Amino acid sequence: MQSSNNIYSVAQVNRYVKNMFAQDFFLRRIWVKGEVSNCKYHTSGHIYFSLKDEGGTISCVMFAGQRRGLAFRMKDGDRVVVCGSIEVYERDGKYQLYAKEITLEGSGLLYERYLALKQELEDMGMFSQEYKKKIPDFVRTLGVVTAPTGAAVQDIRNVSLRRNPFLQIILYPALVQGSGAAESIVRGIQTLDRLGVDVIIAGRGGGSIEDLWAFNEEIVARAIFDCRTPIISAVGHETDFTIADFVADLRAPTPSAAAELAVNDYAQVVMRFRQYTDRIKRAAFSRTDLMRQQLLLYSEKLRRRSPESLLKENRQYLIDQEDRISEAMNGKIRDSRHRLSVYAERFAGLSPLHRLQSGYSYVSLPGGPAVTSIEQITPGDTIDVYVTDGSYRAAVLSKAKKGDIGNG
């Protein structure tokens, strides 16, 4: 009879097996090749599929967070190489391959070589920005390293000549795929570099990693790095990069884009020059008008400040002052005359002659003071009486006080 100490639960067994898998270093990162079957893209973004060959089948899953490791749409029947880890799913007691990278069969080993060379060249500083040469603004001679037939060379030619019909294009017909392609590309770069072209475009149309492999070779990378002429890489793949893309002075996603980056649009250049000419003319005319206005202003100031002008101004000032003084004096005289007439009228009313003309007379003792009171005279006294046209002497017969005059 079995002892209870030797009996385990299903969960314990699955956990034990899972730990065994986790401790196996070989299973943490493994490459497995096979044919895809039962491929399903889940709404959550996960991909469930199986790998099979003539000897067996293994379940696989690629979680949504790892989808960047898949560069194509996987389907049943594809022969692929899957990189990932093998682990146990405890709930079902099944082991499966958790995929992190998936490539079509034949490209897995190439991709490993690509990563290793990329890391090596990057450590050597061949990708550093400080070594990148500036693409000239105006290109007169364009060198192209690509296959003499195919869409790439036609795209470059059509786009370049449309943008600048006066451009000279020098094509080096190179092998861009297969045996000897890397050496052919290197010869093309070196030849055009010796010819002294302004810019070199090195590239081809798109394809698989095997088709593009010549641009991942170290000799091509070193030829690009050593080239004195600025190089634009133009391998027709927008999402992935080749080694040539990292080493080149500028990377274009397609040959057509490379031509647009290398060749300035002649029509736009002419239009910009016309705009600059118009701006210069407007600025010159505006400056001339400003200088003319300033010259007129300075001329007017000089005219006003000239000795003759100053003399005229001073003469006019003196005339104005003379007029003001004359007017002021005349005003003073008029005021004085007016006041004098007023005073004359006043004095006329107080004048003894005026009173004499009104019937009054001036009486005084002979050789004495004026008689202003009856107390100064006595009957029989002689008095002098003055009227308007002379005087006469009279004798006082009687005198009476002011209240007695009417009664006498």
Foldseek 3Di string as FASTA:
>chain_A
DDDPVPDDDLLVVLVVVQVVQVPDPDQAKDKDKAFWDPWDQDPQRKIWIWGDDPPGIFTEIEHNVLCVQEDDDDDGGFIKIFIGGWGADSVVRGIHGHGNHIDGPPCPVVVVVLVVVLVVVVVVVLLPLVLFDDQDPAFQEEEEEEAPDDDLVVLLVVLQCQQPVNHHYHYQHAQQADPPRLVRSLVSLVVVLVVPGQEYEYEYAEDDCRGRVSQQDPSNLVSQSPRPHQYEYAYQAQPDDHSNCSNGSHYDNHSNRVSPVNHHRPVVVVVVVVVVVVVVVVVVVVVVVVVVVVVVVVVVVCVCPPPVNVVVVVVVVVVVVVVVVVVVVVVVVVVVVVVVVVVVVVVCVVDVLNVLVVVDKWKDAVVGDTDDDPVVDAAQGKMWIGHNPGIDIDGHHHDDDPVCPVVD
